[in-house]
Amino acid sequence: VILAHYYQDPAIQDIADFIGDSLEL
């Protein structure tokens, strides 16, 4: 599973399974 924090590059956000804040992820 790929997690991406809100502060990641948009290209990484777009392929993540979950996007959010660190603990939530």
PDB file of all heavy atoms in Angstrom:
ATOM      1  N   VAL A   1       0.866  -1.166   0.000  1.00  0.00           N
ATOM      2  CA  VAL A   1       0.000   0.000   0.000  1.00  0.00           C
ATOM      3  C   VAL A   1       0.911   1.227   0.000  1.00  0.00           C
ATOM      4  O   VAL A   1       1.928   1.259   0.695  1.00  0.00           O
ATOM      5  CB  VAL A   1      -0.952   0.002   1.220  1.00  0.00           C
ATOM      6  CG1 VAL A   1      -0.183   0.048   2.532  1.00  0.00           C
ATOM      7  CG2 VAL A   1      -1.935   1.164   1.147  1.00  0.00           C
ATOM      8  N   ILE A   2       0.563   2.215  -0.812  1.00  0.00           N
ATOM      9  CA  ILE A   2       1.376   3.432  -0.921  1.00  0.00           C
ATOM     10  C   ILE A   2       0.662   4.571  -0.220  1.00  0.00           C
ATOM     11  O   ILE A   2      -0.498   4.888  -0.517  1.00  0.00           O
ATOM     12  CB  ILE A   2       1.640   3.793  -2.394  1.00  0.00           C
ATOM     13  CG1 ILE A   2       2.435   2.672  -3.078  1.00  0.00           C
ATOM     14  CG2 ILE A   2       2.406   5.118  -2.494  1.00  0.00           C
ATOM     15  CD1 ILE A   2       2.640   2.885  -4.566  1.00  0.00           C
ATOM     16  N   LEU A   3       1.359   5.182   0.732  1.00  0.00           N
ATOM     17  CA  LEU A   3       0.846   6.322   1.484  1.00  0.00           C
ATOM     18  C   LEU A   3       1.568   7.585   1.028  1.00  0.00           C
ATOM     19  O   LEU A   3       2.788   7.571   0.855  1.00  0.00           O
ATOM     20  CB  LEU A   3       1.077   6.139   2.982  1.00  0.00           C
ATOM     21  CG  LEU A   3       0.681   4.795   3.606  1.00  0.00           C
ATOM     22  CD1 LEU A   3       1.006   4.807   5.092  1.00  0.00           C
ATOM     23  CD2 LEU A   3      -0.792   4.506   3.373  1.00  0.00           C
ATOM     24  N   ALA A   4       0.847   8.669   0.865  1.00  0.00           N
ATOM     25  CA  ALA A   4       1.467   9.940   0.492  1.00  0.00           C
ATOM     26  C   ALA A   4       0.957  11.041   1.404  1.00  0.00           C
ATOM     27  O   ALA A   4      -0.254  11.249   1.527  1.00  0.00           O
ATOM     28  CB  ALA A   4       1.180  10.286  -0.965  1.00  0.00           C
ATOM     29  N   HIS A   5       1.885  11.734   2.036  1.00  0.00           N
ATOM     30  CA  HIS A   5       1.503  12.900   2.832  1.00  0.00           C
ATOM     31  C   HIS A   5       1.077  14.023   1.900  1.00  0.00           C
ATOM     32  O   HIS A   5       1.488  14.086   0.743  1.00  0.00           O
ATOM     33  CB  HIS A   5       2.677  13.343   3.719  1.00  0.00           C
ATOM     34  CG  HIS A   5       2.287  14.355   4.741  1.00  0.00           C
ATOM     35  ND1 HIS A   5       2.313  15.711   4.490  1.00  0.00           N
ATOM     36  CD2 HIS A   5       1.846  14.220   6.022  1.00  0.00           C
ATOM     37  CE1 HIS A   5       1.914  16.362   5.578  1.00  0.00           C
ATOM     38  NE2 HIS A   5       1.615  15.481   6.507  1.00  0.00           N
ATOM     39  N   TYR A   6       0.244  14.925   2.423  1.00  0.00           N
ATOM     40  CA  TYR A   6      -0.230  16.070   1.647  1.00  0.00           C
ATOM     41  C   TYR A   6       0.915  16.915   1.085  1.00  0.00           C
ATOM     42  O   TYR A   6       0.712  17.668   0.131  1.00  0.00           O
ATOM     43  CB  TYR A   6      -1.094  16.976   2.528  1.00  0.00           C
ATOM     44  CG  TYR A   6      -2.477  16.462   2.831  1.00  0.00           C
ATOM     45  CD1 TYR A   6      -2.915  16.387   4.157  1.00  0.00           C
ATOM     46  CD2 TYR A   6      -3.359  16.094   1.818  1.00  0.00           C
ATOM     47  CE1 TYR A   6      -4.201  15.949   4.454  1.00  0.00           C
ATOM     48  CE2 TYR A   6      -4.638  15.656   2.113  1.00  0.00           C
ATOM     49  CZ  TYR A   6      -5.052  15.587   3.434  1.00  0.00           C
ATOM     50  OH  TYR A   6      -6.326  15.156   3.724  1.00  0.00           O
ATOM     51  N   TYR A   7       2.087  16.837   1.696  1.00  0.00           N
ATOM     52  CA  TYR A   7       3.196  17.686   1.273  1.00  0.00           C
ATOM     53  C   TYR A   7       4.073  17.040   0.204  1.00  0.00           C
ATOM     54  O   TYR A   7       5.115  17.583  -0.166  1.00  0.00           O
ATOM     55  CB  TYR A   7       4.073  18.049   2.477  1.00  0.00           C
ATOM     56  CG  TYR A   7       3.395  18.873   3.553  1.00  0.00           C
ATOM     57  CD1 TYR A   7       3.998  19.055   4.803  1.00  0.00           C
ATOM     58  CD2 TYR A   7       2.157  19.470   3.343  1.00  0.00           C
ATOM     59  CE1 TYR A   7       3.391  19.804   5.800  1.00  0.00           C
ATOM     60  CE2 TYR A   7       1.537  20.211   4.338  1.00  0.00           C
ATOM     61  CZ  TYR A   7       2.161  20.372   5.569  1.00  0.00           C
ATOM     62  OH  TYR A   7       1.556  21.122   6.559  1.00  0.00           O
ATOM     63  N   GLN A   8       3.690  15.871  -0.282  1.00  0.00           N
ATOM     64  CA  GLN A   8       4.461  15.228  -1.335  1.00  0.00           C
ATOM     65  C   GLN A   8       4.195  15.889  -2.695  1.00  0.00           C
ATOM     66  O   GLN A   8       3.197  16.598  -2.886  1.00  0.00           O
ATOM     67  CB  GLN A   8       4.099  13.744  -1.415  1.00  0.00           C
ATOM     68  CG  GLN A   8       4.588  12.929  -0.231  1.00  0.00           C
ATOM     69  CD  GLN A   8       6.105  12.841  -0.173  1.00  0.00           C
ATOM     70  OE1 GLN A   8       6.723  12.100  -0.923  1.00  0.00           O
ATOM     71  NE2 GLN A   8       6.710  13.589   0.730  1.00  0.00           N
ATOM     72  N   ASP A   9       5.100  15.611  -3.624  1.00  0.00           N
ATOM     73  CA  ASP A   9       4.929  16.101  -4.984  1.00  0.00           C
ATOM     74  C   ASP A   9       3.592  15.594  -5.534  1.00  0.00           C
ATOM     75  O   ASP A   9       3.194  14.451  -5.273  1.00  0.00           O
ATOM     76  CB  ASP A   9       6.094  15.595  -5.846  1.00  0.00           C
ATOM     77  CG  ASP A   9       6.038  16.161  -7.246  1.00  0.00           C
ATOM     78  OD1 ASP A   9       5.400  15.532  -8.119  1.00  0.00           O
ATOM     79  OD2 ASP A   9       6.637  17.226  -7.468  1.00  0.00           O
ATOM     80  N   PRO A  10       2.875  16.412  -6.299  1.00  0.00           N
ATOM     81  CA  PRO A  10       1.577  15.975  -6.837  1.00  0.00           C
ATOM     82  C   PRO A  10       1.626  14.653  -7.594  1.00  0.00           C
ATOM     83  O   PRO A  10       0.670  13.870  -7.535  1.00  0.00           O
ATOM     84  CB  PRO A  10       1.185  17.138  -7.763  1.00  0.00           C
ATOM     85  CG  PRO A  10       1.803  18.341  -7.118  1.00  0.00           C
ATOM     86  CD  PRO A  10       3.116  17.849  -6.577  1.00  0.00           C
ATOM     87  N   ALA A  11       2.724  14.379  -8.295  1.00  0.00           N
ATOM     88  CA  ALA A  11       2.809  13.120  -9.045  1.00  0.00           C
ATOM     89  C   ALA A  11       2.758  11.918  -8.120  1.00  0.00           C
ATOM     90  O   ALA A  11       2.198  10.877  -8.472  1.00  0.00           O
ATOM     91  CB  ALA A  11       4.105  13.105  -9.863  1.00  0.00           C
ATOM     92  N   ILE A  12       3.326  12.039  -6.931  1.00  0.00           N
ATOM     93  CA  ILE A  12       3.276  10.949  -5.954  1.00  0.00           C
ATOM     94  C   ILE A  12       1.888  10.868  -5.330  1.00  0.00           C
ATOM     95  O   ILE A  12       1.333   9.780  -5.140  1.00  0.00           O
ATOM     96  CB  ILE A  12       4.375  11.132  -4.887  1.00  0.00           C
ATOM     97  CG1 ILE A  12       5.754  10.887  -5.514  1.00  0.00           C
ATOM     98  CG2 ILE A  12       4.148  10.194  -3.701  1.00  0.00           C
ATOM     99  CD1 ILE A  12       6.917  11.050  -4.559  1.00  0.00           C
ATOM    100  N   GLN A  13       1.300  12.025  -5.019  1.00  0.00           N
ATOM    101  CA  GLN A  13      -0.060  12.015  -4.477  1.00  0.00           C
ATOM    102  C   GLN A  13      -1.025  11.293  -5.418  1.00  0.00           C
ATOM    103  O   GLN A  13      -1.911  10.552  -4.982  1.00  0.00           O
ATOM    104  CB  GLN A  13      -0.548  13.444  -4.248  1.00  0.00           C
ATOM    105  CG  GLN A  13       0.193  14.214  -3.162  1.00  0.00           C
ATOM    106  CD  GLN A  13      -0.457  15.554  -2.876  1.00  0.00           C
ATOM    107  OE1 GLN A  13      -1.678  15.674  -2.831  1.00  0.00           O
ATOM    108  NE2 GLN A  13       0.360  16.580  -2.658  1.00  0.00           N
ATOM    109  N   ASP A  14      -0.827  11.486  -6.713  1.00  0.00           N
ATOM    110  CA  ASP A  14      -1.780  10.962  -7.689  1.00  0.00           C
ATOM    111  C   ASP A  14      -1.722   9.445  -7.841  1.00  0.00           C
ATOM    112  O   ASP A  14      -2.666   8.845  -8.388  1.00  0.00           O
ATOM    113  CB  ASP A  14      -1.554  11.626  -9.047  1.00  0.00           C
ATOM    114  CG  ASP A  14      -2.053  13.072  -9.086  1.00  0.00           C
ATOM    115  OD1 ASP A  14      -2.830  13.447  -8.187  1.00  0.00           O
ATOM    116  OD2 ASP A  14      -1.656  13.815  -9.997  1.00  0.00           O
ATOM    117  N   ILE A  15      -0.636   8.797  -7.388  1.00  0.00           N
ATOM    118  CA  ILE A  15      -0.587   7.335  -7.502  1.00  0.00           C
ATOM    119  C   ILE A  15      -0.711   6.647  -6.145  1.00  0.00           C
ATOM    120  O   ILE A  15      -0.649   5.417  -6.071  1.00  0.00           O
ATOM    121  CB  ILE A  15       0.708   6.863  -8.209  1.00  0.00           C
ATOM    122  CG1 ILE A  15       1.943   7.220  -7.376  1.00  0.00           C
ATOM    123  CG2 ILE A  15       0.811   7.441  -9.604  1.00  0.00           C
ATOM    124  CD1 ILE A  15       3.196   6.556  -7.912  1.00  0.00           C
ATOM    125  N   ALA A  16      -0.900   7.421  -5.085  1.00  0.00           N
ATOM    126  CA  ALA A  16      -0.997   6.840  -3.746  1.00  0.00           C
ATOM    127  C   ALA A  16      -2.366   6.204  -3.519  1.00  0.00           C
ATOM    128  O   ALA A  16      -3.367   6.616  -4.101  1.00  0.00           O
ATOM    129  CB  ALA A  16      -0.734   7.908  -2.699  1.00  0.00           C
ATOM    130  N   ASP A  17      -2.383   5.206  -2.638  1.00  0.00           N
ATOM    131  CA  ASP A  17      -3.645   4.595  -2.225  1.00  0.00           C
ATOM    132  C   ASP A  17      -4.367   5.465  -1.211  1.00  0.00           C
ATOM    133  O   ASP A  17      -5.604   5.521  -1.190  1.00  0.00           O
ATOM    134  CB  ASP A  17      -3.382   3.212  -1.626  1.00  0.00           C
ATOM    135  CG  ASP A  17      -2.803   2.256  -2.647  1.00  0.00           C
ATOM    136  OD1 ASP A  17      -3.515   1.900  -3.594  1.00  0.00           O
ATOM    137  OD2 ASP A  17      -1.620   1.872  -2.508  1.00  0.00           O
ATOM    138  N   PHE A  18      -3.580   6.107  -0.342  1.00  0.00           N
ATOM    139  CA  PHE A  18      -4.142   7.001   0.667  1.00  0.00           C
ATOM    140  C   PHE A  18      -3.307   8.278   0.716  1.00  0.00           C
ATOM    141  O   PHE A  18      -2.082   8.227   0.637  1.00  0.00           O
ATOM    142  CB  PHE A  18      -4.136   6.345   2.055  1.00  0.00           C
ATOM    143  CG  PHE A  18      -4.964   5.099   2.155  1.00  0.00           C
ATOM    144  CD1 PHE A  18      -4.355   3.859   2.288  1.00  0.00           C
ATOM    145  CD2 PHE A  18      -6.351   5.152   2.114  1.00  0.00           C
ATOM    146  CE1 PHE A  18      -5.102   2.699   2.387  1.00  0.00           C
ATOM    147  CE2 PHE A  18      -7.119   3.998   2.208  1.00  0.00           C
ATOM    148  CZ  PHE A  18      -6.493   2.763   2.343  1.00  0.00           C
ATOM    149  N   ILE A  19      -3.995   9.411   0.850  1.00  0.00           N
ATOM    150  CA  ILE A  19      -3.345  10.716   0.985  1.00  0.00           C
ATOM    151  C   ILE A  19      -3.878  11.339   2.267  1.00  0.00           C
ATOM    152  O   ILE A  19      -5.080  11.261   2.553  1.00  0.00           O
ATOM    153  CB  ILE A  19      -3.690  11.634  -0.207  1.00  0.00           C
ATOM    154  CG1 ILE A  19      -3.357  10.936  -1.523  1.00  0.00           C
ATOM    155  CG2 ILE A  19      -2.943  12.959  -0.116  1.00  0.00           C
ATOM    156  CD1 ILE A  19      -4.064  11.555  -2.716  1.00  0.00           C
ATOM    157  N   GLY A  20      -3.007  11.958   3.057  1.00  0.00           N
ATOM    158  CA  GLY A  20      -3.483  12.576   4.283  1.00  0.00           C
ATOM    159  C   GLY A  20      -2.369  13.037   5.181  1.00  0.00           C
ATOM    160  O   GLY A  20      -1.216  13.195   4.756  1.00  0.00           O
ATOM    161  N   ASP A  21      -2.718  13.275   6.464  1.00  0.00           N
ATOM    162  CA  ASP A  21      -1.736  13.614   7.491  1.00  0.00           C
ATOM    163  C   ASP A  21      -1.081  12.333   7.987  1.00  0.00           C
ATOM    164  O   ASP A  21      -1.613  11.235   7.794  1.00  0.00           O
ATOM    165  CB  ASP A  21      -2.414  14.347   8.655  1.00  0.00           C
ATOM    166  CG  ASP A  21      -2.785  15.778   8.284  1.00  0.00           C
ATOM    167  OD1 ASP A  21      -2.033  16.398   7.523  1.00  0.00           O
ATOM    168  OD2 ASP A  21      -3.830  16.261   8.751  1.00  0.00           O
ATOM    169  N   SER A  22       0.048  12.469   8.666  1.00  0.00           N
ATOM    170  CA  SER A  22       0.897  11.308   8.953  1.00  0.00           C
ATOM    171  C   SER A  22       0.231  10.226   9.798  1.00  0.00           C
ATOM    172  O   SER A  22       0.231   9.052   9.421  1.00  0.00           O
ATOM    173  CB  SER A  22       2.194  11.771   9.621  1.00  0.00           C
ATOM    174  OG  SER A  22       1.933  12.444  10.841  1.00  0.00           O
ATOM    175  N   LEU A  23      -0.356  10.578  10.942  1.00  0.00           N
ATOM    176  CA  LEU A  23      -0.941   9.554  11.814  1.00  0.00           C
ATOM    177  C   LEU A  23      -2.163   8.915  11.171  1.00  0.00           C
ATOM    178  O   LEU A  23      -2.362   7.700  11.248  1.00  0.00           O
ATOM    179  CB  LEU A  23      -1.300  10.151  13.171  1.00  0.00           C
ATOM    180  CG  LEU A  23      -1.831   9.146  14.197  1.00  0.00           C
ATOM    181  CD1 LEU A  23      -0.792   8.076  14.507  1.00  0.00           C
ATOM    182  CD2 LEU A  23      -2.249   9.859  15.477  1.00  0.00           C
ATOM    183  N   GLU A  24      -2.963   9.727  10.516  1.00  0.00           N
ATOM    184  CA  GLU A  24      -4.141   9.210   9.810  1.00  0.00           C
ATOM    185  C   GLU A  24      -3.718   8.154   8.781  1.00  0.00           C
ATOM    186  O   GLU A  24      -4.353   7.104   8.650  1.00  0.00           O
ATOM    187  CB  GLU A  24      -4.847  10.375   9.116  1.00  0.00           C
ATOM    188  CG  GLU A  24      -5.953   9.978   8.154  1.00  0.00           C
ATOM    189  CD  GLU A  24      -6.354  11.128   7.234  1.00  0.00           C
ATOM    190  OE1 GLU A  24      -5.777  12.224   7.338  1.00  0.00           O
ATOM    191  OE2 GLU A  24      -7.248  10.902   6.402  1.00  0.00           O
ATOM    192  N   LEU A  25      -2.636   8.424   8.060  1.00  0.00           N
ATOM    193  CA  LEU A  25      -2.150   7.478   7.054  1.00  0.00           C
ATOM    194  C   LEU A  25      -1.686   6.174   7.689  1.00  0.00           C
ATOM    195  O   LEU A  25      -1.984   5.083   7.194  1.00  0.00           O
ATOM    196  CB  LEU A  25      -1.013   8.109   6.261  1.00  0.00           C
ATOM    197  CG  LEU A  25      -1.399   9.236   5.304  1.00  0.00           C
ATOM    198  CD1 LEU A  25      -0.145   9.866   4.700  1.00  0.00           C
ATOM    199  CD2 LEU A  25      -2.319   8.732   4.200  1.00  0.00           C
TER     200      LEU A  25
END
